[in-house]
Amino acid sequence: MFVIVLLVKHRREFKKVVASNSAISLPRFLRLTGLASSISAVTLPLSIYTFVNANRVGGVYYDYSWSVFHSFVSGSETAACI
């Protein structure tokens, strides 16, 4: 029952917003909602698929070595790019 009351209240507020702003109409709002839903329907499964496959394979793991990644610094010398 509470959900129905909230739905009716929300519809009244939405009608007030649509009536106060001529740039927003119900068909335009529905088209925008449909576009956003279709983008989400395509993007979300692709993102989940990519995430799962990347974690399943495990990726390439490199041991971290300070001397390999910072080999340009030796002693008191500093890199020219700093």
C-alpha atoms as a PDB file:
ATOM      1  CA  MET A   1       0.000   0.000   0.000  1.00  0.00           C
ATOM      2  CA  PHE A   2       2.840   2.359   0.892  1.00  0.00           C
ATOM      3  CA  VAL A   3       4.422   1.841  -2.528  1.00  0.00           C
ATOM      4  CA  ILE A   4       1.202   2.801  -4.300  1.00  0.00           C
ATOM      5  CA  VAL A   5       0.927   5.992  -2.244  1.00  0.00           C
ATOM      6  CA  LEU A   6       4.525   6.895  -3.094  1.00  0.00           C
ATOM      7  CA  LEU A   7       3.918   6.159  -6.775  1.00  0.00           C
ATOM      8  CA  VAL A   8       0.859   8.422  -6.885  1.00  0.00           C
ATOM      9  CA  LYS A   9       2.772  11.170  -5.056  1.00  0.00           C
ATOM     10  CA  HIS A  10       5.709  10.848  -7.436  1.00  0.00           C
ATOM     11  CA  ARG A  11       3.453  11.030 -10.502  1.00  0.00           C
ATOM     12  CA  ARG A  12       1.848  14.230  -9.191  1.00  0.00           C
ATOM     13  CA  GLU A  13       5.259  15.800  -8.604  1.00  0.00           C
ATOM     14  CA  PHE A  14       6.434  14.710 -12.050  1.00  0.00           C
ATOM     15  CA  LYS A  15       3.366  16.278 -13.680  1.00  0.00           C
ATOM     16  CA  LYS A  16       4.111  19.541 -11.859  1.00  0.00           C
ATOM     17  CA  VAL A  17       7.695  19.522 -13.118  1.00  0.00           C
ATOM     18  CA  VAL A  18       6.605  18.765 -16.680  1.00  0.00           C
ATOM     19  CA  ALA A  19       3.964  21.494 -16.554  1.00  0.00           C
ATOM     20  CA  SER A  20       6.439  24.069 -15.208  1.00  0.00           C
ATOM     21  CA  ASN A  21       9.154  23.379 -17.786  1.00  0.00           C
ATOM     22  CA  SER A  22       8.158  23.413 -21.442  1.00  0.00           C
ATOM     23  CA  ALA A  23      11.463  21.807 -22.515  1.00  0.00           C
ATOM     24  CA  ILE A  24      10.492  18.580 -20.748  1.00  0.00           C
ATOM     25  CA  SER A  25       7.531  16.563 -21.962  1.00  0.00           C
ATOM     26  CA  LEU A  26       6.422  13.058 -21.121  1.00  0.00           C
ATOM     27  CA  PRO A  27       7.313  11.596 -24.546  1.00  0.00           C
ATOM     28  CA  ARG A  28      10.713  13.295 -24.442  1.00  0.00           C
ATOM     29  CA  PHE A  29      11.329  12.004 -20.915  1.00  0.00           C
ATOM     30  CA  LEU A  30      10.321   8.484 -21.945  1.00  0.00           C
ATOM     31  CA  ARG A  31      12.653   8.581 -24.975  1.00  0.00           C
ATOM     32  CA  LEU A  32      15.522   9.713 -22.767  1.00  0.00           C
ATOM     33  CA  THR A  33      14.751   6.987 -20.236  1.00  0.00           C
ATOM     34  CA  GLY A  34      14.596   4.390 -23.019  1.00  0.00           C
ATOM     35  CA  LEU A  35      17.912   5.549 -24.436  1.00  0.00           C
ATOM     36  CA  ALA A  36      19.573   5.435 -21.033  1.00  0.00           C
ATOM     37  CA  SER A  37      18.117   1.981 -20.359  1.00  0.00           C
ATOM     38  CA  SER A  38      19.292   0.608 -23.698  1.00  0.00           C
ATOM     39  CA  ILE A  39      22.808   1.957 -23.152  1.00  0.00           C
ATOM     40  CA  SER A  40      22.852   0.374 -19.701  1.00  0.00           C
ATOM     41  CA  ALA A  41      21.474  -2.906 -21.080  1.00  0.00           C
ATOM     42  CA  VAL A  42      24.387  -3.099 -23.529  1.00  0.00           C
ATOM     43  CA  THR A  43      27.186  -1.662 -21.410  1.00  0.00           C
ATOM     44  CA  LEU A  44      26.562  -3.468 -18.125  1.00  0.00           C
ATOM     45  CA  PRO A  45      26.761  -7.050 -19.482  1.00  0.00           C
ATOM     46  CA  LEU A  46      29.871  -6.177 -21.501  1.00  0.00           C
ATOM     47  CA  SER A  47      31.516  -4.685 -18.430  1.00  0.00           C
ATOM     48  CA  ILE A  48      30.686  -7.712 -16.311  1.00  0.00           C
ATOM     49  CA  TYR A  49      31.952 -10.070 -19.027  1.00  0.00           C
ATOM     50  CA  THR A  50      35.219  -8.135 -19.346  1.00  0.00           C
ATOM     51  CA  PHE A  51      35.707  -8.001 -15.576  1.00  0.00           C
ATOM     52  CA  VAL A  52      35.052 -11.720 -15.126  1.00  0.00           C
ATOM     53  CA  ASN A  53      37.356 -12.746 -17.978  1.00  0.00           C
ATOM     54  CA  ALA A  54      40.147 -10.461 -16.812  1.00  0.00           C
ATOM     55  CA  ASN A  55      39.982 -11.946 -13.315  1.00  0.00           C
ATOM     56  CA  ARG A  56      39.610 -15.521 -14.508  1.00  0.00           C
ATOM     57  CA  VAL A  57      42.753 -15.362 -16.620  1.00  0.00           C
ATOM     58  CA  GLY A  58      44.542 -13.614 -13.805  1.00  0.00           C
ATOM     59  CA  GLY A  59      46.454 -11.284 -16.066  1.00  0.00           C
ATOM     60  CA  VAL A  60      50.199 -11.009 -16.116  1.00  0.00           C
ATOM     61  CA  TYR A  61      51.785 -10.709 -12.716  1.00  0.00           C
ATOM     62  CA  TYR A  62      55.178  -9.123 -12.422  1.00  0.00           C
ATOM     63  CA  ASP A  63      57.301  -9.205  -9.329  1.00  0.00           C
ATOM     64  CA  TYR A  64      58.105  -5.670  -8.309  1.00  0.00           C
ATOM     65  CA  SER A  65      61.751  -4.806  -8.326  1.00  0.00           C
ATOM     66  CA  TRP A  66      62.932  -1.352  -7.342  1.00  0.00           C
ATOM     67  CA  SER A  67      66.113  -1.693  -9.359  1.00  0.00           C
ATOM     68  CA  VAL A  68      64.263  -2.620 -12.549  1.00  0.00           C
ATOM     69  CA  PHE A  69      61.707   0.164 -12.404  1.00  0.00           C
ATOM     70  CA  HIS A  70      64.083   2.799 -11.034  1.00  0.00           C
ATOM     71  CA  SER A  71      67.256   1.869 -12.826  1.00  0.00           C
ATOM     72  CA  PHE A  72      67.743   5.443 -14.064  1.00  0.00           C
ATOM     73  CA  VAL A  73      68.673   6.587 -10.546  1.00  0.00           C
ATOM     74  CA  SER A  74      72.064   5.516  -9.245  1.00  0.00           C
ATOM     75  CA  GLY A  75      73.733   6.966  -6.200  1.00  0.00           C
ATOM     76  CA  SER A  76      73.294  10.725  -5.956  1.00  0.00           C
ATOM     77  CA  GLU A  77      72.282  11.160  -9.609  1.00  0.00           C
ATOM     78  CA  THR A  78      68.687  12.071 -10.371  1.00  0.00           C
ATOM     79  CA  ALA A  79      66.725  11.580 -13.527  1.00  0.00           C
ATOM     80  CA  ALA A  80      66.490  14.435 -16.001  1.00  0.00           C
ATOM     81  CA  CYS A  81      62.721  14.086 -16.188  1.00  0.00           C
ATOM     82  CA  ILE A  82      62.169  14.945 -12.526  1.00  0.00           C
END
